[in-house]
Protein backbone atom coordinates (compact mmCIF):
# COMPACT_ATOMS: atom_id res chain seq x y z
CA ALA A 1 -15.01 2.38 -13.66
CA THR A 2 -11.59 3.70 -12.75
CA SER A 3 -9.64 6.33 -14.61
CA VAL A 4 -6.18 5.59 -15.87
CA THR A 5 -3.57 8.33 -15.89
CA THR A 6 -1.73 8.71 -19.18
CA ASP A 7 0.37 11.45 -20.77
CA LYS A 8 -2.65 12.40 -22.87
CA ASN A 9 -5.00 13.07 -19.93
CA THR A 10 -2.62 14.70 -17.45
CA LEU A 11 -1.34 18.25 -17.39
CA SER A 12 2.33 18.61 -16.53
CA ILE A 13 3.88 21.91 -15.53
CA THR A 14 5.49 22.13 -18.98
CA SER A 15 2.14 21.55 -20.68
CA TYR A 16 0.58 24.18 -18.44
CA PHE A 17 3.15 26.81 -19.39
CA LYS A 18 2.67 25.99 -23.09
CA LEU A 19 -1.07 26.40 -22.65
CA LEU A 20 -0.62 29.68 -20.75
CA ALA A 21 1.72 31.03 -23.46
CA ALA A 22 -0.80 30.10 -26.18
CA GLN A 23 -3.59 31.69 -24.15
CA LEU A 24 -1.61 34.93 -23.75
CA ALA A 25 -0.56 34.98 -27.42
CA ASN A 26 -4.15 34.51 -28.62
CA GLN A 27 -6.02 36.67 -26.16
CA ASP A 28 -8.37 39.46 -27.19
CA MET A 29 -6.34 42.67 -26.94
CA SER A 30 -9.46 44.73 -26.22
CA ASN A 31 -10.16 42.49 -23.21
CA PRO A 32 -6.80 41.07 -22.02
CA MET A 33 -6.47 38.41 -19.36
CA SER A 34 -6.25 39.97 -15.92
CA THR A 35 -3.22 39.49 -13.73
CA SER A 36 -5.39 38.02 -10.97
CA ASP A 37 -6.80 35.41 -13.38
CA MET A 38 -3.27 34.43 -14.38
CA MET A 39 -2.16 34.24 -10.73
CA ASN A 40 -5.22 32.11 -9.86
CA GLN A 41 -4.37 29.68 -12.65
CA MET A 42 -0.72 29.51 -11.57
CA SER A 43 -1.76 28.93 -7.95
CA GLN A 44 -4.12 26.15 -8.99
CA MET A 45 -1.40 24.52 -11.07
CA ALA A 46 1.04 24.73 -8.15
CA MET A 47 -1.57 23.09 -5.93
CA VAL A 48 -2.13 20.31 -8.47
CA GLN A 49 1.64 19.70 -8.60
CA SER A 50 1.81 19.59 -4.79
CA LEU A 51 -1.11 17.16 -4.58
CA THR A 52 0.51 14.95 -7.21
CA ALA A 53 3.76 14.89 -5.24
CA LEU A 54 1.84 14.14 -2.02
CA THR A 55 -0.04 11.30 -3.71
CA GLU A 56 3.19 9.74 -4.97
CA SER A 57 4.79 10.11 -1.54
CA THR A 58 1.77 8.46 0.11
CA LYS A 59 1.83 5.59 -2.39
CA SER A 60 5.52 5.05 -1.70
CA ALA A 61 5.04 5.11 2.07
CA THR A 62 2.10 2.69 1.82
CA SER A 63 4.14 0.34 -0.34
CA MET A 64 7.05 0.38 2.10
CA SER A 65 4.67 -0.21 5.01
CA GLN A 66 3.08 -3.18 3.22
CA GLN A 67 6.49 -4.65 2.45
CA SER A 68 7.66 -4.27 6.04
CA TYR A 69 4.46 -5.84 7.34
CA ALA A 70 4.70 -8.72 4.85
CA ALA A 71 8.35 -9.41 5.69
CA GLY A 72 7.48 -9.44 9.40
CA MET A 73 4.86 -12.12 8.75
CA ILE A 74 7.44 -14.77 7.78
CA GLY A 75 7.31 -17.52 10.40
CA LYS A 76 3.93 -16.37 11.76
CA GLU A 77 0.99 -18.74 11.94
CA VAL A 78 -2.02 -17.26 10.16
CA THR A 79 -5.56 -18.15 9.30
CA TYR A 80 -6.25 -17.36 5.65
CA ASN A 81 -8.77 -17.94 2.89
CA GLY A 82 -7.11 -20.63 0.78
CA LYS A 83 -7.71 -21.56 -2.85
CA SER A 84 -8.46 -25.13 -3.90
CA TYR A 85 -5.53 -27.22 -5.16
CA THR A 86 -4.60 -30.85 -5.79
CA SER A 87 -2.08 -32.57 -3.52
CA ASN A 88 -0.98 -36.15 -4.24
CA GLY A 89 -4.08 -36.67 -6.39
CA THR A 90 -6.41 -35.39 -3.67
CA LEU A 91 -8.41 -32.18 -4.13
CA VAL A 92 -8.05 -29.76 -1.24
CA GLN A 93 -11.14 -27.56 -1.18
CA ALA A 94 -11.01 -23.78 -0.99
CA GLY A 95 -11.75 -22.37 2.44
CA SER A 96 -10.34 -21.13 5.71
CA ARG A 97 -6.99 -22.70 6.64
CA THR A 98 -4.28 -22.17 9.21
CA GLY A 99 -0.58 -22.42 8.44
CA THR A 100 2.83 -20.83 8.84
CA ILE A 101 4.00 -18.24 6.32
CA VAL A 102 7.25 -19.49 4.78
CA SER A 103 7.93 -16.83 2.13
CA VAL A 104 6.89 -13.42 0.85
CA ASN A 105 7.12 -12.28 -2.77
CA PHE A 106 7.54 -8.57 -3.56
CA ASN A 107 7.13 -8.87 -7.35
CA GLY A 108 3.96 -7.26 -8.62
CA GLU A 109 1.85 -4.43 -7.27
CA SER A 110 1.48 -5.77 -3.74
CA PRO A 111 3.28 -8.43 -1.67
CA THR A 112 2.08 -12.03 -1.71
CA PHE A 113 2.83 -14.87 0.70
CA LYS A 114 3.11 -18.66 0.67
CA VAL A 115 2.12 -20.95 3.50
CA ALA A 116 3.91 -24.22 4.32
CA GLY A 117 2.22 -27.11 2.51
CA ASP A 118 0.10 -24.89 0.24
CA PRO A 119 1.43 -24.46 -3.33
CA GLU A 120 -0.58 -21.28 -3.99
CA GLU A 121 0.45 -17.64 -3.42
CA TYR A 122 -1.96 -15.28 -1.67
CA SER A 123 -2.27 -11.52 -1.29
CA LEU A 124 -2.14 -10.07 2.21
CA ASP A 125 -5.89 -9.49 2.19
CA ALA A 126 -6.40 -13.29 2.28
CA ILE A 127 -5.22 -13.27 5.92
CA THR A 128 -8.16 -13.35 8.32
CA ALA A 129 -6.24 -13.78 11.59
CA VAL A 130 -2.74 -14.02 12.98
CA VAL A 131 -2.45 -16.87 15.46
CA GLN A 132 -0.01 -16.64 18.35
CA LYS A 133 2.09 -19.80 18.53
CA GLN A 134 2.22 -21.65 21.85
CA SER A 135 5.94 -20.91 22.37
CA GLU A 136 5.34 -17.16 21.81
CA ALA A 137 2.40 -17.19 24.24
CA GLN A 138 4.57 -18.81 26.94
CA THR A 139 7.36 -16.25 26.37
CA ASP A 140 4.88 -13.36 26.62
CA THR A 141 3.43 -14.76 29.84
CA ALA A 142 6.90 -15.18 31.35
CA ASP A 143 7.82 -11.60 30.39
CA THR A 144 4.75 -10.15 32.13
CA GLN A 145 5.31 -12.18 35.32
CA GLY A 146 8.78 -10.74 35.91
CA THR A 147 10.12 -9.44 39.20
CA LYS A 148 9.26 -6.07 40.66
CA GLY A 149 11.70 -3.37 39.70
CA GLU A 150 12.73 -0.13 41.32
CA GLY A 151 9.83 2.27 41.70
CA ASP A 152 7.21 -0.49 41.67
CA GLU A 153 4.72 -0.25 44.50
CA ILE A 154 4.45 -3.18 46.85
């Protein structure tokens, strides 16, 4: 079970001040609220507000990171857990497949991708491996076999 945040179950700073004003207006005059109690409550509310802001900031940063990652996956060959679908009257079974990511969709809560030849969209967690293409592997090998530069020991 997960909790859902709504206006009815969250306490905003405005709601807090209304509650504090009602508490002060209705307190027992023979035993008034101490200043330290009030300061503790205000400190706790400030901490809640800071944690809320931090949570929102973290969610935003995570979303941007996911979007950047997803956009960088276009053109990459991946192994992914594919859904079953019908192609030209033939059923393609669900299972592990390899293909090149041709598009990324940012609508919805998290990015989804499409692979060439597969009509379905998948979330990023369907990716089980990123496969280095042969041309990229040759480029990487050539880059690491370069000539010795200044300062290199012989």
